[in-house]
Amino acid sequence: MSKLLRICLWLLSFQATALGAWGQTLVSAESEINIPLRMSLKPLYQWVERSVDTVFTSEGYPNGWVQKGCDLRYRYKFWRSPLRLRAVGQTLDLSFTGNYQMEGSSRVCVRGVILSPWTPSCRCGFSEGPRKVEVRFLNKLTILPRYQIQLSIQPEAPKPIDPCKVCIWNQDITQDVMDGLWEEMVTAKKEIEKEYGKIDLRPQLIQNWSNMNRPISLGAYGWLMIRPLGFRLNRLEAKGDSIDLSVGLRARPVVVNNVPQTYMTAPPVDWEKPNMKDDFRIQMELDLQYDSMSQILNRSFLPYSIKPEKGPVRKNIQIDSLHLSAEGAQRINCQLHISGKYAGTLLLSGKPIWDSTSGMLGLSEIDFDLKTRHKLLGKAATWFDRPIRRWLEEKFKFDLAATLEEKRKWIEQQLNEADTGPLKCTGKLNRVKWSGWENRNQVLSIQIGLEGRMQCTADLSRFSL
């Protein structure tokens, strides 16, 4: 389980590494990771096969006898076929064919006083071949509250395949043998349930919860705070020779520039409601520094000369440089530095817009600051207004689609190359979704949603709870 939780943390760390530079963010969007895990039971079968003896004998066999009271003694040999395991739903069906030979003798005793010698031994399963019996245990897994899983074992009454008859009068003792075997099966059930009846995952989950409340260094990218909200066990189901389960983590992660304080929170007392979707949805942010965006536009398009739109004005205005900055939560200021007859600074503002078809980040709803517009352009404002706005709308373009596509491929590569020890995982990023934006100081914070699917298989020979 701890290995799987480490994958959840690894996925969340994409928030800081997948898309470049990050700033101080207090985003409250929730991220959710649901990872289906398939565990092949073959290594478990092999372990059980190695761990359960194939031959059982009475104490002192073949020369010693087991004596039950004064008047009866017996000895036996029991050996089994290879175990047969079948998984359906939440039930593991364990069965095998048992073979046995036994012999016994009796004598007359009264109140512990021996009155006769032992009779010649009566034998079953020797000259006529070993007697056979079908033995079966049903093991059911149930998800319990408070991070527990219950193992319930229900043995079925042993089913004899052929009779066990002893002595020259062919006394049928089959049911006596079955009664003795049933007692052994019930004892085994009690011992196993006493040891493994309830699997308590809470100690490990609490440890992982504590780790997720501590800052995680991301090197040059800052510090990741997972801020977990809850665990869920979505599914626990057996199919054929495998167990399919799905575990989930819900969190509200943030990335910060400086080392944050550790705020320890207590985990919820119980599992969260299961989610039948096997996917992950991670909310992340791409921070675009206004200074960097300004430099890109200055290098690409400036200086630039704009002609007036009709009118009596014949002189062009030259835009030498521009500077972008935040205005409120969701608008961008653009200062245009102009030289020539209309030298000075024009101030405009617009609203970021995402074109899902082209993947371009642009600027819309561009307005002039009326004071700077009239002061600088005077009567010529009427003829320069629309050309300037059109020019800014045309040039303010940032190709996020190319960046996101490049990073999407990188993320998929990482999903499929994750080094997770006994877990082998594959994944696909299905969608990179624009969720919105917000100004934070001198940063335009683009909110991005990652949606995808990851599936893991576990090598039980190297995996433990």
Protein backbone atom coordinates (compact mmCIF):
# COMPACT_ATOMS: atom_id res chain seq x y z
CA MET A 1 0.00 0.00 0.00
CA SER A 2 2.82 2.42 0.81
CA LYS A 3 4.26 1.89 -2.68
CA LEU A 4 0.93 2.79 -4.23
CA LEU A 5 0.61 5.93 -2.15
CA ARG A 6 4.08 6.94 -3.29
CA ILE A 7 2.78 6.85 -6.87
CA CYS A 8 -0.04 9.21 -5.85
CA LEU A 9 2.53 11.63 -4.46
CA TRP A 10 4.63 11.25 -7.58
CA LEU A 11 1.65 12.14 -9.78
CA LEU A 12 0.87 15.20 -7.68
CA SER A 13 4.45 16.36 -8.02
CA PHE A 14 3.73 16.94 -11.74
CA GLN A 15 2.07 20.11 -10.55
CA ALA A 16 5.51 21.50 -9.97
CA THR A 17 7.60 19.91 -12.69
CA ALA A 18 5.48 19.38 -15.76
CA LEU A 19 4.99 22.86 -17.14
CA GLY A 20 7.93 25.01 -16.19
CA ALA A 21 8.37 27.85 -13.71
CA TRP A 22 6.02 28.15 -10.77
CA GLY A 23 5.25 30.94 -8.36
CA GLN A 24 3.82 31.28 -4.89
CA THR A 25 0.32 29.87 -5.18
CA LEU A 26 -2.53 29.41 -2.76
CA VAL A 27 -4.76 27.51 -5.18
CA SER A 28 -7.62 25.72 -3.47
CA ALA A 29 -8.63 23.47 -6.37
CA GLU A 30 -8.85 19.81 -5.47
CA SER A 31 -6.89 17.09 -7.20
CA GLU A 32 -8.05 13.50 -7.29
CA ILE A 33 -6.10 10.38 -8.18
CA ASN A 34 -7.71 6.96 -8.58
CA ILE A 35 -5.30 4.21 -9.57
CA PRO A 36 -6.53 0.72 -10.51
CA LEU A 37 -4.13 -1.96 -9.38
CA ARG A 38 -4.11 -5.54 -10.63
CA MET A 39 -2.30 -8.07 -8.49
CA SER A 40 -1.65 -11.47 -9.99
CA LEU A 41 -2.35 -14.16 -7.42
CA LYS A 42 0.01 -16.64 -9.04
CA PRO A 43 2.94 -15.69 -6.76
CA LEU A 44 0.55 -15.99 -3.80
CA TYR A 45 -0.60 -19.39 -5.01
CA GLN A 46 3.02 -20.47 -5.35
CA TRP A 47 3.81 -19.18 -1.86
CA VAL A 48 0.81 -21.01 -0.36
CA GLU A 49 1.78 -24.15 -2.26
CA ARG A 50 5.29 -23.95 -0.82
CA SER A 51 4.08 -23.04 2.67
CA VAL A 52 1.40 -25.70 3.17
CA ASP A 53 2.78 -29.16 3.74
CA THR A 54 1.90 -31.77 1.16
CA VAL A 55 2.10 -34.73 3.56
CA PHE A 56 0.60 -34.99 7.04
CA THR A 57 1.06 -37.98 9.33
CA SER A 58 0.08 -38.91 12.81
CA GLU A 59 2.69 -38.45 15.52
CA GLY A 60 5.34 -41.17 15.42
CA TYR A 61 4.17 -42.50 12.06
CA PRO A 62 4.77 -45.16 10.72
CA ASN A 63 5.69 -47.06 13.87
CA GLY A 64 4.05 -45.02 16.60
CA TRP A 65 0.37 -44.92 17.45
CA VAL A 66 -1.95 -42.15 18.54
CA GLN A 67 -3.99 -43.42 21.46
CA LYS A 68 -7.34 -41.87 22.25
CA GLY A 69 -8.35 -43.26 25.62
CA CYS A 70 -7.75 -46.81 26.71
CA ASP A 71 -9.63 -48.69 24.04
CA LEU A 72 -8.52 -47.16 20.70
CA ARG A 73 -5.30 -46.44 18.85
CA TYR A 74 -4.66 -45.36 15.27
CA ARG A 75 -2.12 -43.94 12.83
CA TYR A 76 -2.56 -42.29 9.45
CA LYS A 77 -0.88 -40.70 6.48
CA PHE A 78 -2.59 -37.86 4.58
CA TRP A 79 -1.23 -36.19 1.47
CA ARG A 80 -2.77 -33.63 -0.81
CA SER A 81 -2.86 -32.74 -4.47
CA PRO A 82 -1.59 -29.33 -5.68
CA LEU A 83 -3.76 -26.52 -4.36
CA ARG A 84 -6.49 -25.19 -6.60
CA LEU A 85 -7.29 -21.51 -6.18
CA ARG A 86 -10.03 -19.63 -7.96
CA ALA A 87 -10.99 -16.00 -7.41
CA VAL A 88 -14.48 -14.65 -8.01
CA GLY A 89 -15.84 -11.32 -6.75
CA GLN A 90 -14.53 -10.89 -3.23
CA THR A 91 -14.11 -14.62 -2.63
CA LEU A 92 -10.97 -16.75 -2.94
CA ASP A 93 -11.83 -20.42 -3.39
CA LEU A 94 -9.08 -22.75 -2.11
CA SER A 95 -9.50 -26.49 -2.63
CA PHE A 96 -7.50 -29.66 -3.02
CA THR A 97 -7.94 -33.41 -3.25
CA GLY A 98 -6.82 -35.30 -0.16
CA ASN A 99 -5.50 -38.86 -0.15
CA TYR A 100 -5.28 -40.86 3.04
CA GLN A 101 -4.39 -44.23 4.53
CA MET A 102 -5.18 -45.18 8.08
CA GLU A 103 -5.15 -48.17 10.37
CA GLY A 104 -6.23 -48.75 13.89
CA SER A 105 -7.00 -51.35 16.49
CA SER A 106 -9.05 -51.61 19.66
CA ARG A 107 -9.22 -53.49 22.94
CA VAL A 108 -11.64 -53.91 25.76
CA CYS A 109 -11.32 -51.51 28.66
CA VAL A 110 -13.64 -50.97 31.59
CA ARG A 111 -13.12 -47.85 33.65
CA GLY A 112 -9.52 -47.68 32.47
CA VAL A 113 -8.80 -51.31 33.25
CA ILE A 114 -7.49 -53.26 30.23
CA LEU A 115 -9.40 -56.53 29.75
CA SER A 116 -8.07 -57.67 26.34
CA PRO A 117 -5.05 -57.30 24.04
CA TRP A 118 -5.14 -55.09 20.94
CA THR A 119 -7.02 -56.56 18.04
CA PRO A 120 -5.20 -57.00 14.71
CA SER A 121 -5.07 -53.63 12.96
CA CYS A 122 -7.86 -52.72 10.60
CA ARG A 123 -6.61 -50.90 7.52
CA CYS A 124 -8.12 -48.51 4.97
CA GLY A 125 -6.51 -47.12 1.81
CA PHE A 126 -3.73 -49.66 1.39
CA SER A 127 -4.52 -52.72 -0.72
CA GLU A 128 -7.49 -51.00 -2.38
CA GLY A 129 -5.56 -47.82 -3.03
CA PRO A 130 -5.58 -44.53 -1.08
CA ARG A 131 -8.98 -43.11 -0.21
CA LYS A 132 -9.81 -39.67 -1.59
CA VAL A 133 -11.67 -36.63 -0.24
CA GLU A 134 -12.35 -33.16 -1.59
CA VAL A 135 -11.44 -30.32 0.77
CA ARG A 136 -12.53 -26.75 0.21
CA PHE A 137 -12.17 -23.38 1.96
CA LEU A 138 -13.99 -20.19 0.89
CA ASN A 139 -12.09 -17.02 1.85
CA LYS A 140 -14.04 -13.77 1.61
CA LEU A 141 -12.54 -10.27 1.69
CA THR A 142 -14.70 -7.41 2.99
CA ILE A 143 -13.86 -3.70 3.21
CA LEU A 144 -14.56 -2.52 6.75
CA PRO A 145 -14.80 1.00 8.17
CA ARG A 146 -11.78 2.67 9.77
CA TYR A 147 -9.31 1.48 7.12
CA GLN A 148 -9.70 -2.24 7.77
CA ILE A 149 -10.17 -5.29 5.56
CA GLN A 150 -11.71 -8.46 6.94
CA LEU A 151 -10.80 -12.00 5.92
CA SER A 152 -13.62 -14.48 6.62
CA ILE A 153 -12.89 -18.18 6.13
CA GLN A 154 -15.68 -20.69 5.67
CA PRO A 155 -14.68 -24.33 5.26
CA GLU A 156 -17.10 -26.60 3.45
CA ALA A 157 -17.85 -30.05 4.77
CA PRO A 158 -15.31 -32.47 3.28
CA LYS A 159 -16.74 -34.60 0.50
CA PRO A 160 -15.51 -38.22 0.35
CA ILE A 161 -14.93 -39.57 -3.14
CA ASP A 162 -14.79 -43.22 -2.12
CA PRO A 163 -15.53 -45.08 1.13
CA CYS A 164 -13.12 -46.11 3.84
CA LYS A 165 -13.92 -49.64 5.01
CA VAL A 166 -11.92 -51.54 7.58
CA CYS A 167 -11.58 -54.98 9.08
CA ILE A 168 -12.81 -58.25 7.68
CA TRP A 169 -16.42 -57.19 8.17
CA ASN A 170 -15.91 -54.08 6.02
CA GLN A 171 -17.02 -51.57 8.63
CA ASP A 172 -17.56 -48.20 6.87
CA ILE A 173 -15.76 -45.53 8.91
CA THR A 174 -15.89 -42.87 6.18
CA GLN A 175 -18.05 -40.50 8.20
CA ASP A 176 -15.83 -40.92 11.25
CA VAL A 177 -12.84 -39.89 9.14
CA MET A 178 -14.79 -36.94 7.70
CA ASP A 179 -15.83 -35.83 11.19
CA GLY A 180 -12.22 -35.85 12.30
CA LEU A 181 -11.12 -33.95 9.21
CA TRP A 182 -13.91 -31.38 9.73
CA GLU A 183 -12.67 -30.71 13.27
CA GLU A 184 -9.19 -30.05 11.88
CA MET A 185 -10.61 -27.68 9.25
CA VAL A 186 -12.60 -25.71 11.85
CA THR A 187 -9.49 -25.43 14.04
CA ALA A 188 -7.47 -24.18 11.05
CA LYS A 189 -10.19 -21.60 10.28
CA LYS A 190 -10.09 -20.23 13.82
CA GLU A 191 -6.30 -20.01 13.89
CA ILE A 192 -6.09 -18.22 10.52
CA GLU A 193 -8.87 -15.76 11.37
CA LYS A 194 -7.27 -15.10 14.74
CA GLU A 195 -4.01 -14.18 13.02
CA TYR A 196 -5.26 -12.61 9.78
CA GLY A 197 -8.99 -12.05 10.28
CA LYS A 198 -8.67 -8.27 10.23
CA ILE A 199 -6.02 -6.42 8.27
CA ASP A 200 -5.64 -2.96 9.80
CA LEU A 201 -4.25 -0.47 7.27
CA ARG A 202 -4.69 2.53 9.54
CA PRO A 203 -1.12 2.59 10.99
CA GLN A 204 0.41 2.71 7.51
CA LEU A 205 -2.13 5.25 6.24
CA ILE A 206 -1.46 7.50 9.24
CA GLN A 207 2.26 7.32 8.54
CA ASN A 208 1.71 8.22 4.89
CA TRP A 209 -0.70 11.00 5.90
CA SER A 210 1.99 12.50 8.14
CA ASN A 211 4.52 12.33 5.31
CA MET A 212 2.11 14.08 2.95
CA ASN A 213 1.69 16.94 5.42
CA ARG A 214 5.41 17.69 5.28
CA PRO A 215 6.92 19.99 2.62
CA ILE A 216 8.56 18.13 -0.27
CA SER A 217 11.56 19.81 -1.86
CA LEU A 218 11.34 20.19 -5.63
CA GLY A 219 14.75 21.76 -6.04
CA ALA A 220 14.66 24.86 -8.18
CA TYR A 221 10.87 24.62 -8.47
CA GLY A 222 10.23 25.29 -4.78
CA TRP A 223 8.30 23.19 -2.28
CA LEU A 224 5.29 20.96 -2.80
CA MET A 225 2.62 20.75 -0.11
CA ILE A 226 0.28 17.81 -0.79
CA ARG A 227 -2.39 18.82 1.76
CA PRO A 228 -4.28 15.48 1.72
CA LEU A 229 -8.03 15.44 2.24
CA GLY A 230 -8.88 11.75 2.29
CA PHE A 231 -8.20 8.17 1.18
CA ARG A 232 -10.60 5.83 -0.53
CA LEU A 233 -10.61 2.16 -1.42
CA ASN A 234 -12.79 2.16 -4.50
CA ARG A 235 -12.84 -1.49 -5.38
CA LEU A 236 -11.60 -4.86 -4.17
CA GLU A 237 -12.55 -7.67 -6.50
CA ALA A 238 -11.12 -11.02 -7.48
CA LYS A 239 -11.06 -12.22 -11.07
CA GLY A 240 -9.59 -15.54 -12.12
CA ASP A 241 -6.02 -15.56 -10.94
CA SER A 242 -5.90 -11.84 -10.08
CA ILE A 243 -7.26 -9.30 -7.63
CA ASP A 244 -8.36 -5.94 -8.98
CA LEU A 245 -8.49 -3.03 -6.59
CA SER A 246 -8.57 0.72 -6.96
CA VAL A 247 -7.19 3.16 -4.41
CA GLY A 248 -7.83 6.89 -4.37
CA LEU A 249 -6.32 10.01 -2.88
CA ARG A 250 -7.98 13.41 -2.72
CA ALA A 251 -5.77 16.41 -2.00
CA ARG A 252 -5.46 20.17 -2.37
CA PRO A 253 -1.79 20.55 -3.36
CA VAL A 254 0.12 23.80 -3.60
CA VAL A 255 3.65 24.80 -4.64
CA VAL A 256 5.44 27.60 -2.84
CA ASN A 257 8.76 29.35 -3.34
CA ASN A 258 9.97 29.40 0.25
CA VAL A 259 10.18 26.63 2.82
CA PRO A 260 6.68 26.48 4.36
CA GLN A 261 5.74 25.51 7.86
CA THR A 262 4.54 21.98 8.44
CA TYR A 263 0.88 21.93 9.41
CA MET A 264 -0.03 18.48 10.66
CA THR A 265 -3.69 17.55 10.21
CA ALA A 266 -5.43 14.43 11.44
CA PRO A 267 -6.61 11.96 8.79
CA PRO A 268 -10.34 11.29 8.51
CA VAL A 269 -11.51 8.44 10.73
CA ASP A 270 -12.85 6.46 7.79
CA TRP A 271 -12.55 5.77 4.07
CA GLU A 272 -14.12 8.30 1.78
CA LYS A 273 -17.02 7.27 -0.42
CA PRO A 274 -15.73 5.02 -3.23
CA ASN A 275 -15.34 6.46 -6.71
CA MET A 276 -15.98 4.04 -9.53
CA LYS A 277 -13.88 6.06 -11.99
CA ASP A 278 -10.35 4.82 -12.52
CA ASP A 279 -8.68 8.08 -13.49
CA PHE A 280 -6.77 11.03 -12.16
CA ARG A 281 -7.72 14.68 -12.30
CA ILE A 282 -4.99 17.04 -11.20
CA GLN A 283 -5.41 20.80 -10.98
CA MET A 284 -2.19 22.65 -11.71
CA GLU A 285 -1.03 26.14 -12.56
CA LEU A 286 1.28 27.54 -15.17
CA ASP A 287 2.73 30.87 -14.09
CA LEU A 288 3.58 33.30 -16.90
CA GLN A 289 5.79 36.13 -15.67
CA TYR A 290 4.68 39.48 -17.07
CA ASP A 291 8.28 40.63 -17.47
CA SER A 292 9.09 37.58 -19.58
CA MET A 293 5.96 37.98 -21.68
CA SER A 294 6.84 41.65 -22.26
CA GLN A 295 10.35 40.74 -23.41
CA ILE A 296 8.99 38.16 -25.88
CA LEU A 297 6.65 40.70 -27.50
CA ASN A 298 9.33 43.42 -27.56
CA ARG A 299 11.82 41.14 -29.28
CA SER A 300 9.27 39.80 -31.77
CA PHE A 301 7.34 42.87 -32.99
CA LEU A 302 8.83 46.13 -31.83
CA PRO A 303 9.51 48.82 -32.81
CA TYR A 304 6.42 49.07 -34.99
CA SER A 305 4.81 51.94 -36.91
CA ILE A 306 1.01 52.30 -37.01
CA LYS A 307 -0.87 54.31 -39.63
CA PRO A 308 -3.95 56.32 -38.68
CA GLU A 309 -7.33 55.08 -39.84
CA LYS A 310 -8.45 57.67 -42.45
CA GLY A 311 -8.93 61.24 -41.18
CA PRO A 312 -6.74 64.30 -41.76
CA VAL A 313 -3.79 62.99 -39.70
CA ARG A 314 -0.93 61.87 -41.99
CA LYS A 315 1.82 61.04 -39.53
CA ASN A 316 2.25 57.52 -38.15
CA ILE A 317 2.96 56.74 -34.52
CA GLN A 318 5.83 54.46 -33.57
CA ILE A 319 5.56 52.00 -30.71
CA ASP A 320 9.07 51.48 -29.39
CA SER A 321 8.35 49.06 -26.55
CA LEU A 322 5.61 47.77 -24.31
CA HIS A 323 5.30 46.55 -20.77
CA LEU A 324 2.65 44.18 -19.38
CA SER A 325 1.40 44.15 -15.81
CA ALA A 326 -1.55 42.89 -13.77
CA GLU A 327 -4.74 44.81 -13.30
CA GLY A 328 -7.02 43.39 -10.63
CA ALA A 329 -7.69 39.67 -10.69
CA GLN A 330 -8.40 39.03 -14.37
CA ARG A 331 -7.20 41.85 -16.61
CA ILE A 332 -3.84 42.81 -18.08
CA ASN A 333 -2.41 46.31 -18.38
CA CYS A 334 -0.34 47.12 -21.45
CA GLN A 335 1.83 50.24 -21.49
CA LEU A 336 2.83 51.29 -25.01
CA HIS A 337 5.88 53.57 -25.15
CA ILE A 338 5.56 55.87 -28.18
CA SER A 339 8.15 58.14 -29.83
CA GLY A 340 7.84 60.96 -32.38
CA LYS A 341 5.14 63.64 -32.47
CA TYR A 342 2.95 61.72 -30.01
CA ALA A 343 5.76 60.71 -27.66
CA GLY A 344 4.65 59.34 -24.32
CA THR A 345 2.94 56.31 -22.82
CA LEU A 346 -0.43 54.89 -23.78
CA LEU A 347 -2.19 52.67 -21.26
CA LEU A 348 -4.55 49.89 -22.39
CA SER A 349 -6.06 46.90 -20.61
CA GLY A 350 -7.54 43.62 -21.84
CA LYS A 351 -8.79 40.22 -20.74
CA PRO A 352 -6.89 36.98 -21.39
CA ILE A 353 -8.70 34.54 -23.65
CA TRP A 354 -7.95 30.92 -24.56
CA ASP A 355 -8.65 29.62 -28.05
CA SER A 356 -9.22 25.89 -27.60
CA THR A 357 -8.93 25.26 -31.35
CA SER A 358 -5.55 26.90 -31.93
CA GLY A 359 -4.29 26.58 -28.36
CA MET A 360 -3.30 30.26 -28.36
CA LEU A 361 -3.49 32.59 -25.40
CA GLY A 362 -4.69 35.98 -26.58
CA LEU A 363 -6.11 39.28 -25.39
CA SER A 364 -9.71 40.42 -25.80
CA GLU A 365 -11.97 43.27 -24.68
CA ILE A 366 -9.12 45.77 -25.09
CA ASP A 367 -9.90 49.25 -23.78
CA PHE A 368 -7.90 52.48 -23.61
CA ASP A 369 -7.37 54.42 -20.46
CA LEU A 370 -9.28 57.51 -21.58
CA LYS A 371 -7.03 59.99 -19.79
CA THR A 372 -3.81 58.78 -21.39
CA ARG A 373 -5.53 58.29 -24.75
CA HIS A 374 -6.83 61.87 -25.01
CA LYS A 375 -3.80 63.46 -23.36
CA LEU A 376 -1.31 61.79 -25.68
CA LEU A 377 -3.15 61.54 -29.01
CA GLY A 378 -5.44 64.53 -28.61
CA LYS A 379 -7.78 64.95 -31.56
CA ALA A 380 -5.95 62.17 -33.42
CA ALA A 381 -7.22 59.59 -30.91
CA THR A 382 -10.26 58.86 -33.04
CA TRP A 383 -8.10 57.74 -35.99
CA PHE A 384 -5.50 55.76 -33.98
CA ASP A 385 -7.85 54.05 -31.53
CA ARG A 386 -8.95 51.05 -33.63
CA PRO A 387 -5.59 50.40 -35.39
CA ILE A 388 -3.76 50.24 -32.04
CA ARG A 389 -6.31 47.89 -30.50
CA ARG A 390 -6.32 45.67 -33.59
CA TRP A 391 -2.52 45.57 -33.62
CA LEU A 392 -2.31 44.61 -29.92
CA GLU A 393 -5.00 41.99 -30.33
CA GLU A 394 -3.13 40.51 -33.29
CA LYS A 395 0.33 40.50 -31.68
CA PHE A 396 -0.61 39.40 -28.16
CA LYS A 397 -0.38 35.67 -28.90
CA PHE A 398 1.30 32.96 -26.86
CA ASP A 399 1.29 29.41 -28.17
CA LEU A 400 0.50 27.36 -25.08
CA ALA A 401 -0.76 24.43 -27.16
CA ALA A 402 2.74 23.61 -28.37
CA THR A 403 4.11 23.84 -24.84
CA LEU A 404 1.33 21.73 -23.40
CA GLU A 405 1.67 19.11 -26.14
CA GLU A 406 5.40 18.87 -25.56
CA LYS A 407 4.86 18.49 -21.83
CA ARG A 408 1.99 16.06 -22.36
CA LYS A 409 4.33 13.70 -24.19
CA TRP A 410 6.92 14.14 -21.46
CA ILE A 411 4.36 13.36 -18.75
CA GLU A 412 3.18 10.24 -20.59
CA GLN A 413 6.76 9.10 -20.90
CA GLN A 414 7.24 9.57 -17.17
CA LEU A 415 3.97 7.75 -16.41
CA ASN A 416 5.17 4.74 -18.34
CA GLU A 417 8.71 4.77 -16.97
CA ALA A 418 7.91 5.28 -13.29
CA ASP A 419 10.35 3.33 -11.11
CA THR A 420 8.04 1.98 -8.44
CA GLY A 421 9.76 -1.22 -7.31
CA PRO A 422 7.26 -4.09 -7.20
CA LEU A 423 4.68 -1.99 -9.05
CA LYS A 424 4.75 -1.69 -12.82
CA CYS A 425 2.61 1.14 -14.12
CA THR A 426 1.42 2.47 -17.44
CA GLY A 427 -0.52 5.65 -18.01
CA LYS A 428 -2.03 7.95 -20.56
CA LEU A 429 -2.78 11.66 -20.33
CA ASN A 430 -6.12 12.02 -22.07
CA ARG A 431 -6.74 15.73 -21.76
CA VAL A 432 -5.06 18.99 -20.86
CA LYS A 433 -7.83 21.43 -20.06
CA TRP A 434 -7.72 25.20 -19.61
CA SER A 435 -9.65 25.99 -16.40
CA GLY A 436 -9.16 29.74 -15.96
CA TRP A 437 -6.64 32.37 -14.90
CA GLU A 438 -5.85 34.77 -12.12
CA ASN A 439 -3.37 37.58 -11.57
CA ARG A 440 -0.94 37.07 -8.72
CA ASN A 441 1.49 39.95 -8.24
CA GLN A 442 3.49 40.13 -11.48
CA VAL A 443 2.36 36.71 -12.66
CA LEU A 444 -0.49 35.59 -14.90
CA SER A 445 -1.45 32.26 -13.34
CA ILE A 446 -3.05 29.90 -15.88
CA GLN A 447 -5.05 27.11 -14.27
CA ILE A 448 -4.73 23.81 -16.10
CA GLY A 449 -6.51 20.50 -15.52
CA LEU A 450 -4.74 17.22 -16.28
CA GLU A 451 -7.04 14.26 -16.88
CA GLY A 452 -5.79 10.78 -17.54
CA ARG A 453 -5.61 7.20 -16.47
CA MET A 454 -2.93 5.10 -14.85
CA GLN A 455 -2.94 1.36 -14.27
CA CYS A 456 -0.54 -0.68 -12.20
CA THR A 457 0.24 -4.34 -11.75
CA ALA A 458 1.91 -5.69 -8.63
CA ASP A 459 4.45 -8.46 -8.32
CA LEU A 460 3.25 -10.06 -5.10
CA SER A 461 6.56 -11.86 -4.70
CA ARG A 462 8.10 -8.42 -3.97
CA PHE A 463 5.08 -6.66 -2.47
CA SER A 464 3.80 -6.52 1.10
CA LEU A 465 1.23 -4.47 2.97
